[in-house]
Amino acid sequence: MKWITAIIKPFTLDDVREALAEAGVQGMTVTEVKGFGRQHGHTELYRGAEYVVDFLPKLKIEVAIADDQAERAIEAITAAARTGKVGDGKIFVSELEQVIRIRTQEEDADAL
């Protein structure tokens, strides 16, 4: 099993959600986060005053998935979240050792 964490731009969420659904992903967790990567934020003008935005708004999507679906999910996220501009985000893939569904106590792939 894999644990996929994707950091994306907020306006791409609907496209990513639809792409994951088409790829067979049944559930996900979405969290509003702030951060920066290589661009280290940017400078904006507001009412004539210049100020630095250090942390940019992003969304973190987390998905637990079976090994055989991981590549499809990664491709779906990549295709849906890519704008071709700086700050499109990142995808992190980790091994997932154990999953337990609390209600039924099913484990691992059955719990997904």
PDB file of N, CA and C in Angstrom:
ATOM      1  N   MET A   1       0.835  -1.172   0.000  1.00  0.00           N
ATOM      2  CA  MET A   1       0.000   0.000   0.000  1.00  0.00           C
ATOM      3  C   MET A   1       0.882   1.240   0.000  1.00  0.00           C
ATOM      4  N   LYS A   2       0.340   2.326  -0.526  1.00  0.00           N
ATOM      5  CA  LYS A   2       1.068   3.585  -0.622  1.00  0.00           C
ATOM      6  C   LYS A   2       0.285   4.705   0.050  1.00  0.00           C
ATOM      7  N   TRP A   3       1.017   5.667   0.582  1.00  0.00           N
ATOM      8  CA  TRP A   3       0.449   6.887   1.135  1.00  0.00           C
ATOM      9  C   TRP A   3       0.931   8.010   0.224  1.00  0.00           C
ATOM     10  N   ILE A   4       0.001   8.619  -0.502  1.00  0.00           N
ATOM     11  CA  ILE A   4       0.335   9.678  -1.440  1.00  0.00           C
ATOM     12  C   ILE A   4      -0.076  11.009  -0.836  1.00  0.00           C
ATOM     13  N   THR A   5       0.873  11.932  -0.768  1.00  0.00           N
ATOM     14  CA  THR A   5       0.618  13.287  -0.297  1.00  0.00           C
ATOM     15  C   THR A   5       0.957  14.230  -1.435  1.00  0.00           C
ATOM     16  N   ALA A   6       0.001  15.049  -1.833  1.00  0.00           N
ATOM     17  CA  ALA A   6       0.218  16.006  -2.915  1.00  0.00           C
ATOM     18  C   ALA A   6      -0.052  17.409  -2.399  1.00  0.00           C
ATOM     19  N   ILE A   7       0.852  18.322  -2.704  1.00  0.00           N
ATOM     20  CA  ILE A   7       0.677  19.733  -2.396  1.00  0.00           C
ATOM     21  C   ILE A   7       0.359  20.420  -3.721  1.00  0.00           C
ATOM     22  N   ILE A   8      -0.823  21.044  -3.806  1.00  0.00           N
ATOM     23  CA  ILE A   8      -1.281  21.621  -5.072  1.00  0.00           C
ATOM     24  C   ILE A   8      -1.788  23.047  -4.873  1.00  0.00           C
ATOM     25  N   LYS A   9      -1.983  23.744  -5.979  1.00  0.00           N
ATOM     26  CA  LYS A   9      -2.610  25.062  -5.938  1.00  0.00           C
ATOM     27  C   LYS A   9      -4.105  24.880  -5.662  1.00  0.00           C
ATOM     28  N   PRO A  10      -4.686  25.752  -4.848  1.00  0.00           N
ATOM     29  CA  PRO A  10      -6.090  25.574  -4.455  1.00  0.00           C
ATOM     30  C   PRO A  10      -7.078  25.498  -5.617  1.00  0.00           C
ATOM     31  N   PHE A  11      -6.882  26.265  -6.666  1.00  0.00           N
ATOM     32  CA  PHE A  11      -7.874  26.283  -7.748  1.00  0.00           C
ATOM     33  C   PHE A  11      -7.864  25.015  -8.600  1.00  0.00           C
ATOM     34  N   THR A  12      -6.884  24.125  -8.387  1.00  0.00           N
ATOM     35  CA  THR A  12      -6.847  22.878  -9.161  1.00  0.00           C
ATOM     36  C   THR A  12      -7.558  21.732  -8.452  1.00  0.00           C
ATOM     37  N   LEU A  13      -8.104  21.976  -7.260  1.00  0.00           N
ATOM     38  CA  LEU A  13      -8.690  20.893  -6.460  1.00  0.00           C
ATOM     39  C   LEU A  13      -9.794  20.132  -7.189  1.00  0.00           C
ATOM     40  N   ASP A  14     -10.751  20.827  -7.790  1.00  0.00           N
ATOM     41  CA  ASP A  14     -11.861  20.136  -8.447  1.00  0.00           C
ATOM     42  C   ASP A  14     -11.369  19.235  -9.573  1.00  0.00           C
ATOM     43  N   ASP A  15     -10.413  19.711 -10.349  1.00  0.00           N
ATOM     44  CA  ASP A  15      -9.866  18.898 -11.438  1.00  0.00           C
ATOM     45  C   ASP A  15      -9.136  17.673 -10.896  1.00  0.00           C
ATOM     46  N   VAL A  16      -8.374  17.859  -9.820  1.00  0.00           N
ATOM     47  CA  VAL A  16      -7.640  16.739  -9.217  1.00  0.00           C
ATOM     48  C   VAL A  16      -8.622  15.722  -8.636  1.00  0.00           C
ATOM     49  N   ARG A  17      -9.647  16.203  -7.958  1.00  0.00           N
ATOM     50  CA  ARG A  17     -10.640  15.293  -7.364  1.00  0.00           C
ATOM     51  C   ARG A  17     -11.326  14.462  -8.448  1.00  0.00           C
ATOM     52  N   GLU A  18     -11.722  15.110  -9.531  1.00  0.00           N
ATOM     53  CA  GLU A  18     -12.374  14.390 -10.632  1.00  0.00           C
ATOM     54  C   GLU A  18     -11.423  13.382 -11.275  1.00  0.00           C
ATOM     55  N   ALA A  19     -10.167  13.769 -11.465  1.00  0.00           N
ATOM     56  CA  ALA A  19      -9.187  12.871 -12.075  1.00  0.00           C
ATOM     57  C   ALA A  19      -8.939  11.653 -11.194  1.00  0.00           C
ATOM     58  N   LEU A  20      -8.858  11.870  -9.870  1.00  0.00           N
ATOM     59  CA  LEU A  20      -8.660  10.740  -8.956  1.00  0.00           C
ATOM     60  C   LEU A  20      -9.878   9.819  -8.941  1.00  0.00           C
ATOM     61  N   ALA A  21     -11.057  10.392  -9.002  1.00  0.00           N
ATOM     62  CA  ALA A  21     -12.272   9.566  -9.040  1.00  0.00           C
ATOM     63  C   ALA A  21     -12.283   8.693 -10.297  1.00  0.00           C
ATOM     64  N   GLU A  22     -11.898   9.269 -11.431  1.00  0.00           N
ATOM     65  CA  GLU A  22     -11.824   8.505 -12.680  1.00  0.00           C
ATOM     66  C   GLU A  22     -10.758   7.416 -12.610  1.00  0.00           C
ATOM     67  N   ALA A  23      -9.710   7.647 -11.795  1.00  0.00           N
ATOM     68  CA  ALA A  23      -8.635   6.661 -11.638  1.00  0.00           C
ATOM     69  C   ALA A  23      -9.001   5.574 -10.628  1.00  0.00           C
ATOM     70  N   GLY A  24     -10.175   5.683 -10.012  1.00  0.00           N
ATOM     71  CA  GLY A  24     -10.634   4.653  -9.083  1.00  0.00           C
ATOM     72  C   GLY A  24     -10.330   4.913  -7.623  1.00  0.00           C
ATOM     73  N   VAL A  25      -9.876   6.114  -7.291  1.00  0.00           N
ATOM     74  CA  VAL A  25      -9.599   6.452  -5.891  1.00  0.00           C
ATOM     75  C   VAL A  25     -10.921   6.756  -5.211  1.00  0.00           C
ATOM     76  N   GLN A  26     -11.166   6.105  -4.075  1.00  0.00           N
ATOM     77  CA  GLN A  26     -12.470   6.215  -3.427  1.00  0.00           C
ATOM     78  C   GLN A  26     -12.544   7.286  -2.349  1.00  0.00           C
ATOM     79  N   GLY A  27     -11.426   7.692  -1.781  1.00  0.00           N
ATOM     80  CA  GLY A  27     -11.482   8.688  -0.729  1.00  0.00           C
ATOM     81  C   GLY A  27     -10.183   9.452  -0.625  1.00  0.00           C
ATOM     82  N   MET A  28     -10.252  10.629  -0.005  1.00  0.00           N
ATOM     83  CA  MET A  28      -9.062  11.446   0.183  1.00  0.00           C
ATOM     84  C   MET A  28      -9.304  12.407   1.328  1.00  0.00           C
ATOM     85  N   THR A  29      -8.236  12.963   1.847  1.00  0.00           N
ATOM     86  CA  THR A  29      -8.299  14.001   2.856  1.00  0.00           C
ATOM     87  C   THR A  29      -7.659  15.248   2.270  1.00  0.00           C
ATOM     88  N   VAL A  30      -8.327  16.391   2.432  1.00  0.00           N
ATOM     89  CA  VAL A  30      -7.813  17.659   1.918  1.00  0.00           C
ATOM     90  C   VAL A  30      -7.655  18.621   3.087  1.00  0.00           C
ATOM     91  N   THR A  31      -6.483  19.248   3.166  1.00  0.00           N
ATOM     92  CA  THR A  31      -6.171  20.201   4.228  1.00  0.00           C
ATOM     93  C   THR A  31      -5.669  21.491   3.603  1.00  0.00           C
ATOM     94  N   GLU A  32      -6.148  22.632   4.107  1.00  0.00           N
ATOM     95  CA  GLU A  32      -5.605  23.913   3.666  1.00  0.00           C
ATOM     96  C   GLU A  32      -4.296  24.155   4.408  1.00  0.00           C
ATOM     97  N   VAL A  33      -3.242  24.430   3.657  1.00  0.00           N
ATOM     98  CA  VAL A  33      -1.920  24.656   4.243  1.00  0.00           C
ATOM     99  C   VAL A  33      -1.297  25.894   3.613  1.00  0.00           C
ATOM    100  N   LYS A  34      -0.193  26.357   4.193  1.00  0.00           N
ATOM    101  CA  LYS A  34       0.584  27.452   3.623  1.00  0.00           C
ATOM    102  C   LYS A  34       2.034  27.020   3.591  1.00  0.00           C
ATOM    103  N   GLY A  35       2.758  27.463   2.577  1.00  0.00           N
ATOM    104  CA  GLY A  35       4.159  27.105   2.507  1.00  0.00           C
ATOM    105  C   GLY A  35       4.834  27.774   1.326  1.00  0.00           C
ATOM    106  N   PHE A  36       6.094  27.431   1.141  1.00  0.00           N
ATOM    107  CA  PHE A  36       6.830  27.925  -0.016  1.00  0.00           C
ATOM    108  C   PHE A  36       7.867  26.896  -0.407  1.00  0.00           C
ATOM    109  N   GLY A  37       8.251  26.957  -1.656  1.00  0.00           N
ATOM    110  CA  GLY A  37       9.285  26.070  -2.189  1.00  0.00           C
ATOM    111  C   GLY A  37      10.451  26.900  -2.658  1.00  0.00           C
ATOM    112  N   ARG A  38      10.917  26.606  -3.841  1.00  0.00           N
ATOM    113  CA  ARG A  38      12.078  27.307  -4.384  1.00  0.00           C
ATOM    114  C   ARG A  38      11.828  28.797  -4.597  1.00  0.00           C
ATOM    115  N   GLN A  39      10.563  29.182  -4.845  1.00  0.00           N
ATOM    116  CA  GLN A  39      10.296  30.584  -5.146  1.00  0.00           C
ATOM    117  C   GLN A  39      10.327  31.469  -3.905  1.00  0.00           C
ATOM    118  N   HIS A  40      10.308  30.893  -2.714  1.00  0.00           N
ATOM    119  CA  HIS A  40      10.389  31.642  -1.449  1.00  0.00           C
ATOM    120  C   HIS A  40       9.359  32.761  -1.366  1.00  0.00           C
ATOM    121  N   GLY A  41       8.143  32.499  -1.804  1.00  0.00           N
ATOM    122  CA  GLY A  41       7.094  33.515  -1.747  1.00  0.00           C
ATOM    123  C   GLY A  41       7.260  34.528  -2.870  1.00  0.00           C
ATOM    124  N   HIS A  42       6.566  35.655  -2.749  1.00  0.00           N
ATOM    125  CA  HIS A  42       6.657  36.688  -3.760  1.00  0.00           C
ATOM    126  C   HIS A  42       6.256  38.032  -3.169  1.00  0.00           C
ATOM    127  N   THR A  43       6.441  39.098  -3.948  1.00  0.00           N
ATOM    128  CA  THR A  43       6.099  40.454  -3.517  1.00  0.00           C
ATOM    129  C   THR A  43       4.815  40.881  -4.204  1.00  0.00           C
ATOM    130  N   GLU A  44       3.907  41.521  -3.464  1.00  0.00           N
ATOM    131  CA  GLU A  44       2.656  42.018  -4.032  1.00  0.00           C
ATOM    132  C   GLU A  44       2.475  43.478  -3.681  1.00  0.00           C
ATOM    133  N   LEU A  45       1.637  44.145  -4.468  1.00  0.00           N
ATOM    134  CA  LEU A  45       1.266  45.530  -4.193  1.00  0.00           C
ATOM    135  C   LEU A  45      -0.170  45.566  -3.696  1.00  0.00           C
ATOM    136  N   TYR A  46      -0.419  46.311  -2.627  1.00  0.00           N
ATOM    137  CA  TYR A  46      -1.774  46.481  -2.107  1.00  0.00           C
ATOM    138  C   TYR A  46      -1.941  47.939  -1.725  1.00  0.00           C
ATOM    139  N   ARG A  47      -2.834  48.634  -2.434  1.00  0.00           N
ATOM    140  CA  ARG A  47      -3.082  50.059  -2.198  1.00  0.00           C
ATOM    141  C   ARG A  47      -1.784  50.870  -2.214  1.00  0.00           C
ATOM    142  N   GLY A  48      -0.942  50.561  -3.163  1.00  0.00           N
ATOM    143  CA  GLY A  48       0.294  51.306  -3.337  1.00  0.00           C
ATOM    144  C   GLY A  48       1.447  50.873  -2.457  1.00  0.00           C
ATOM    145  N   ALA A  49       1.181  50.009  -1.488  1.00  0.00           N
ATOM    146  CA  ALA A  49       2.250  49.541  -0.593  1.00  0.00           C
ATOM    147  C   ALA A  49       2.718  48.164  -1.047  1.00  0.00           C
ATOM    148  N   GLU A  50       4.021  47.973  -1.051  1.00  0.00           N
ATOM    149  CA  GLU A  50       4.587  46.684  -1.432  1.00  0.00           C
ATOM    150  C   GLU A  50       4.819  45.846  -0.178  1.00  0.00           C
ATOM    151  N   TYR A  51       4.428  44.580  -0.233  1.00  0.00           N
ATOM    152  CA  TYR A  51       4.676  43.698   0.892  1.00  0.00           C
ATOM    153  C   TYR A  51       5.026  42.304   0.392  1.00  0.00           C
ATOM    154  N   VAL A  52       5.700  41.553   1.241  1.00  0.00           N
ATOM    155  CA  VAL A  52       6.188  40.221   0.875  1.00  0.00           C
ATOM    156  C   VAL A  52       5.225  39.169   1.402  1.00  0.00           C
ATOM    157  N   VAL A  53       4.844  38.249   0.524  1.00  0.00           N
ATOM    158  CA  VAL A  53       4.027  37.101   0.916  1.00  0.00           C
ATOM    159  C   VAL A  53       4.988  35.919   1.014  1.00  0.00           C
ATOM    160  N   ASP A  54       5.344  35.546   2.246  1.00  0.00           N
ATOM    161  CA  ASP A  54       6.304  34.464   2.450  1.00  0.00           C
ATOM    162  C   ASP A  54       5.679  33.089   2.262  1.00  0.00           C
ATOM    163  N   PHE A  55       4.495  32.898   2.812  1.00  0.00           N
ATOM    164  CA  PHE A  55       3.830  31.608   2.749  1.00  0.00           C
ATOM    165  C   PHE A  55       2.629  31.709   1.827  1.00  0.00           C
ATOM    166  N   LEU A  56       2.613  30.863   0.816  1.00  0.00           N
ATOM    167  CA  LEU A  56       1.540  30.879  -0.168  1.00  0.00           C
ATOM    168  C   LEU A  56       0.486  29.844   0.184  1.00  0.00           C
ATOM    169  N   PRO A  57      -0.796  30.148  -0.064  1.00  0.00           N
ATOM    170  CA  PRO A  57      -1.847  29.176   0.230  1.00  0.00           C
ATOM    171  C   PRO A  57      -1.768  27.986  -0.724  1.00  0.00           C
ATOM    172  N   LYS A  58      -1.844  26.799  -0.162  1.00  0.00           N
ATOM    173  CA  LYS A  58      -1.816  25.555  -0.930  1.00  0.00           C
ATOM    174  C   LYS A  58      -2.842  24.600  -0.334  1.00  0.00           C
ATOM    175  N   LEU A  59      -3.063  23.486  -1.003  1.00  0.00           N
ATOM    176  CA  LEU A  59      -3.882  22.410  -0.470  1.00  0.00           C
ATOM    177  C   LEU A  59      -3.030  21.156  -0.393  1.00  0.00           C
ATOM    178  N   LYS A  60      -3.219  20.408   0.689  1.00  0.00           N
ATOM    179  CA  LYS A  60      -2.534  19.121   0.831  1.00  0.00           C
ATOM    180  C   LYS A  60      -3.585  18.031   0.695  1.00  0.00           C
ATOM    181  N   ILE A  61      -3.369  17.161  -0.276  1.00  0.00           N
ATOM    182  CA  ILE A  61      -4.263  16.024  -0.500  1.00  0.00           C
ATOM    183  C   ILE A  61      -3.532  14.774  -0.047  1.00  0.00           C
ATOM    184  N   GLU A  62      -4.210  13.959   0.750  1.00  0.00           N
ATOM    185  CA  GLU A  62      -3.624  12.708   1.225  1.00  0.00           C
ATOM    186  C   GLU A  62      -4.532  11.553   0.810  1.00  0.00           C
ATOM    187  N   VAL A  63      -3.901  10.515   0.263  1.00  0.00           N
ATOM    188  CA  VAL A  63      -4.640   9.367  -0.252  1.00  0.00           C
ATOM    189  C   VAL A  63      -3.914   8.094   0.155  1.00  0.00           C
ATOM    190  N   ALA A  64      -4.652   7.148   0.729  1.00  0.00           N
ATOM    191  CA  ALA A  64      -4.129   5.803   0.981  1.00  0.00           C
ATOM    192  C   ALA A  64      -4.632   4.925  -0.159  1.00  0.00           C
ATOM    193  N   ILE A  65      -3.715   4.179  -0.784  1.00  0.00           N
ATOM    194  CA  ILE A  65      -4.077   3.485  -2.012  1.00  0.00           C
ATOM    195  C   ILE A  65      -3.329   2.156  -2.134  1.00  0.00           C
ATOM    196  N   ALA A  66      -3.922   1.215  -2.830  1.00  0.00           N
ATOM    197  CA  ALA A  66      -3.274  -0.073  -3.085  1.00  0.00           C
ATOM    198  C   ALA A  66      -2.107   0.139  -4.044  1.00  0.00           C
ATOM    199  N   ASP A  67      -1.102  -0.698  -3.942  1.00  0.00           N
ATOM    200  CA  ASP A  67       0.099  -0.573  -4.774  1.00  0.00           C
ATOM    201  C   ASP A  67      -0.221  -0.531  -6.267  1.00  0.00           C
ATOM    202  N   ASP A  68      -1.174  -1.354  -6.712  1.00  0.00           N
ATOM    203  CA  ASP A  68      -1.465  -1.429  -8.145  1.00  0.00           C
ATOM    204  C   ASP A  68      -2.189  -0.199  -8.686  1.00  0.00           C
ATOM    205  N   GLN A  69      -2.702   0.665  -7.812  1.00  0.00           N
ATOM    206  CA  GLN A  69      -3.382   1.881  -8.254  1.00  0.00           C
ATOM    207  C   GLN A  69      -2.497   3.116  -8.137  1.00  0.00           C
ATOM    208  N   ALA A  70      -1.333   2.988  -7.537  1.00  0.00           N
ATOM    209  CA  ALA A  70      -0.502   4.149  -7.218  1.00  0.00           C
ATOM    210  C   ALA A  70      -0.085   4.927  -8.459  1.00  0.00           C
ATOM    211  N   GLU A  71       0.415   4.264  -9.481  1.00  0.00           N
ATOM    212  CA  GLU A  71       0.871   4.972 -10.682  1.00  0.00           C
ATOM    213  C   GLU A  71      -0.260   5.725 -11.356  1.00  0.00           C
ATOM    214  N   ARG A  72      -1.444   5.093 -11.422  1.00  0.00           N
ATOM    215  CA  ARG A  72      -2.599   5.767 -12.025  1.00  0.00           C
ATOM    216  C   ARG A  72      -2.967   7.029 -11.251  1.00  0.00           C
ATOM    217  N   ALA A  73      -2.932   6.930  -9.916  1.00  0.00           N
ATOM    218  CA  ALA A  73      -3.267   8.079  -9.070  1.00  0.00           C
ATOM    219  C   ALA A  73      -2.240   9.201  -9.246  1.00  0.00           C
ATOM    220  N   ILE A  74      -0.973   8.851  -9.295  1.00  0.00           N
ATOM    221  CA  ILE A  74       0.089   9.849  -9.472  1.00  0.00           C
ATOM    222  C   ILE A  74      -0.069  10.547 -10.826  1.00  0.00           C
ATOM    223  N   GLU A  75      -0.328   9.784 -11.863  1.00  0.00           N
ATOM    224  CA  GLU A  75      -0.528  10.367 -13.194  1.00  0.00           C
ATOM    225  C   GLU A  75      -1.749  11.276 -13.217  1.00  0.00           C
ATOM    226  N   ALA A  76      -2.818  10.881 -12.525  1.00  0.00           N
ATOM    227  CA  ALA A  76      -4.035  11.692 -12.488  1.00  0.00           C
ATOM    228  C   ALA A  76      -3.785  13.023 -11.785  1.00  0.00           C
ATOM    229  N   ILE A  77      -3.090  12.977 -10.653  1.00  0.00           N
ATOM    230  CA  ILE A  77      -2.794  14.213  -9.917  1.00  0.00           C
ATOM    231  C   ILE A  77      -1.901  15.120 -10.759  1.00  0.00           C
ATOM    232  N   THR A  78      -0.862  14.543 -11.331  1.00  0.00           N
ATOM    233  CA  THR A  78       0.083  15.323 -12.130  1.00  0.00           C
ATOM    234  C   THR A  78      -0.609  16.009 -13.302  1.00  0.00           C
ATOM    235  N   ALA A  79      -1.426  15.276 -14.034  1.00  0.00           N
ATOM    236  CA  ALA A  79      -2.099  15.844 -15.203  1.00  0.00           C
ATOM    237  C   ALA A  79      -3.102  16.928 -14.805  1.00  0.00           C
ATOM    238  N   ALA A  80      -3.821  16.724 -13.718  1.00  0.00           N
ATOM    239  CA  ALA A  80      -4.872  17.668 -13.327  1.00  0.00           C
ATOM    240  C   ALA A  80      -4.321  18.912 -12.632  1.00  0.00           C
ATOM    241  N   ALA A  81      -3.201  18.798 -11.932  1.00  0.00           N
ATOM    242  CA  ALA A  81      -2.681  19.923 -11.145  1.00  0.00           C
ATOM    243  C   ALA A  81      -1.652  20.751 -11.901  1.00  0.00           C
ATOM    244  N   ARG A  82      -1.172  20.284 -13.030  1.00  0.00           N
ATOM    245  CA  ARG A  82      -0.105  20.987 -13.751  1.00  0.00           C
ATOM    246  C   ARG A  82      -0.651  22.190 -14.508  1.00  0.00           C
ATOM    247  N   THR A  83      -0.064  23.363 -14.217  1.00  0.00           N
ATOM    248  CA  THR A  83      -0.367  24.577 -14.972  1.00  0.00           C
ATOM    249  C   THR A  83       0.831  24.990 -15.809  1.00  0.00           C
ATOM    250  N   GLY A  84       2.005  24.440 -15.489  1.00  0.00           N
ATOM    251  CA  GLY A  84       3.224  24.793 -16.196  1.00  0.00           C
ATOM    252  C   GLY A  84       3.923  26.000 -15.606  1.00  0.00           C
ATOM    253  N   LYS A  85       3.412  26.503 -14.487  1.00  0.00           N
ATOM    254  CA  LYS A  85       4.006  27.675 -13.852  1.00  0.00           C
ATOM    255  C   LYS A  85       4.656  27.276 -12.530  1.00  0.00           C
ATOM    256  N   VAL A  86       5.517  28.151 -12.029  1.00  0.00           N
ATOM    257  CA  VAL A  86       6.187  27.908 -10.755  1.00  0.00           C
ATOM    258  C   VAL A  86       5.141  27.744  -9.654  1.00  0.00           C
ATOM    259  N   GLY A  87       5.358  26.763  -8.775  1.00  0.00           N
ATOM    260  CA  GLY A  87       4.461  26.573  -7.645  1.00  0.00           C
ATOM    261  C   GLY A  87       3.350  25.579  -7.882  1.00  0.00           C
ATOM    262  N   ASP A  88       3.431  24.787  -8.945  1.00  0.00           N
ATOM    263  CA  ASP A  88       2.397  23.781  -9.206  1.00  0.00           C
ATOM    264  C   ASP A  88       2.296  22.757  -8.088  1.00  0.00           C
ATOM    265  N   GLY A  89       3.384  22.507  -7.361  1.00  0.00           N
ATOM    266  CA  GLY A  89       3.322  21.608  -6.214  1.00  0.00           C
ATOM    267  C   GLY A  89       4.245  20.425  -6.332  1.00  0.00           C
ATOM    268  N   LYS A  90       4.027  19.495  -5.418  1.00  0.00           N
ATOM    269  CA  LYS A  90       4.841  18.276  -5.345  1.00  0.00           C
ATOM    270  C   LYS A  90       3.948  17.102  -4.956  1.00  0.00           C
ATOM    271  N   ILE A  91       4.432  15.903  -5.273  1.00  0.00           N
ATOM    272  CA  ILE A  91       3.777  14.664  -4.859  1.00  0.00           C
ATOM    273  C   ILE A  91       4.807  13.837  -4.108  1.00  0.00           C
ATOM    274  N   PHE A  92       4.433  13.386  -2.920  1.00  0.00           N
ATOM    275  CA  PHE A  92       5.294  12.533  -2.106  1.00  0.00           C
ATOM    276  C   PHE A  92       4.619  11.171  -1.985  1.00  0.00           C
ATOM    277  N   VAL A  93       5.387  10.105  -2.198  1.00  0.00           N
ATOM    278  CA  VAL A  93       4.854   8.745  -2.118  1.00  0.00           C
ATOM    279  C   VAL A  93       5.631   7.984  -1.056  1.00  0.00           C
ATOM    280  N   SER A  94       4.909   7.396  -0.107  1.00  0.00           N
ATOM    281  CA  SER A  94       5.520   6.638   0.982  1.00  0.00           C
ATOM    282  C   SER A  94       4.887   5.262   1.070  1.00  0.00           C
ATOM    283  N   GLU A  95       5.635   4.338   1.649  1.00  0.00           N
ATOM    284  CA  GLU A  95       5.069   3.025   1.942  1.00  0.00           C
ATOM    285  C   GLU A  95       4.105   3.165   3.115  1.00  0.00           C
ATOM    286  N   LEU A  96       3.017   2.434   3.053  1.00  0.00           N
ATOM    287  CA  LEU A  96       2.019   2.441   4.114  1.00  0.00           C
ATOM    288  C   LEU A  96       2.008   1.047   4.733  1.00  0.00           C
ATOM    289  N   GLU A  97       2.408   0.971   5.985  1.00  0.00           N
ATOM    290  CA  GLU A  97       2.576  -0.332   6.627  1.00  0.00           C
ATOM    291  C   GLU A  97       1.268  -0.997   7.016  1.00  0.00           C
ATOM    292  N   GLN A  98       0.347  -0.231   7.569  1.00  0.00           N
ATOM    293  CA  GLN A  98      -0.877  -0.851   8.070  1.00  0.00           C
ATOM    294  C   GLN A  98      -2.022   0.148   8.033  1.00  0.00           C
ATOM    295  N   VAL A  99      -3.208  -0.356   7.698  1.00  0.00           N
ATOM    296  CA  VAL A  99      -4.436   0.428   7.726  1.00  0.00           C
ATOM    297  C   VAL A  99      -5.480  -0.379   8.466  1.00  0.00           C
ATOM    298  N   ILE A 100      -6.224   0.279   9.342  1.00  0.00           N
ATOM    299  CA  ILE A 100      -7.297  -0.396  10.086  1.00  0.00           C
ATOM    300  C   ILE A 100      -8.546   0.467   9.999  1.00  0.00           C
ATOM    301  N   ARG A 101      -9.634  -0.099   9.523  1.00  0.00           N
ATOM    302  CA  ARG A 101     -10.915   0.601   9.528  1.00  0.00           C
ATOM    303  C   ARG A 101     -11.500   0.443  10.922  1.00  0.00           C
ATOM    304  N   ILE A 102     -11.734   1.532  11.590  1.00  0.00           N
ATOM    305  CA  ILE A 102     -12.157   1.498  12.989  1.00  0.00           C
ATOM    306  C   ILE A 102     -13.502   0.796  13.157  1.00  0.00           C
ATOM    307  N   ARG A 103     -14.475   1.111  12.309  1.00  0.00           N
ATOM    308  CA  ARG A 103     -15.830   0.562  12.464  1.00  0.00           C
ATOM    309  C   ARG A 103     -15.868  -0.957  12.387  1.00  0.00           C
ATOM    310  N   THR A 104     -15.188  -1.534  11.380  1.00  0.00           N
ATOM    311  CA  THR A 104     -15.290  -2.972  11.138  1.00  0.00           C
ATOM    312  C   THR A 104     -14.036  -3.748  11.551  1.00  0.00           C
ATOM    313  N   GLN A 105     -12.971  -3.036  11.868  1.00  0.00           N
ATOM    314  CA  GLN A 105     -11.676  -3.602  12.203  1.00  0.00           C
ATOM    315  C   GLN A 105     -11.040  -4.361  11.037  1.00  0.00           C
ATOM    316  N   GLU A 106     -11.485  -4.047   9.816  1.00  0.00           N
ATOM    317  CA  GLU A 106     -10.829  -4.614   8.635  1.00  0.00           C
ATOM    318  C   GLU A 106      -9.421  -4.015   8.579  1.00  0.00           C
ATOM    319  N   GLU A 107      -8.520  -4.786   7.976  1.00  0.00           N
ATOM    320  CA  GLU A 107      -7.142  -4.337   7.915  1.00  0.00           C
ATOM    321  C   GLU A 107      -6.622  -4.290   6.485  1.00  0.00           C
ATOM    322  N   ASP A 108      -5.612  -3.443   6.310  1.00  0.00           N
ATOM    323  CA  ASP A 108      -4.836  -3.292   5.086  1.00  0.00           C
ATOM    324  C   ASP A 108      -5.711  -3.046   3.864  1.00  0.00           C
ATOM    325  N   ALA A 109      -5.571  -3.796   2.779  1.00  0.00           N
ATOM    326  CA  ALA A 109      -6.296  -3.512   1.546  1.00  0.00           C
ATOM    327  C   ALA A 109      -7.811  -3.563   1.744  1.00  0.00           C
ATOM    328  N   ASP A 110      -8.291  -4.418   2.622  1.00  0.00           N
ATOM    329  CA  ASP A 110      -9.733  -4.500   2.891  1.00  0.00           C
ATOM    330  C   ASP A 110     -10.231  -3.219   3.555  1.00  0.00           C
ATOM    331  N   ALA A 111      -9.370  -2.536   4.274  1.00  0.00           N
ATOM    332  CA  ALA A 111      -9.773  -1.310   4.978  1.00  0.00           C
ATOM    333  C   ALA A 111      -9.779  -0.092   4.056  1.00  0.00           C
ATOM    334  N   LEU A 112      -9.130  -0.199   2.931  1.00  0.00           N
ATOM    335  CA  LEU A 112      -9.100   0.942   2.007  1.00  0.00           C
ATOM    336  C   LEU A 112     -10.447   1.079   1.346  1.00  0.00           C
TER     337      LEU A 112
END
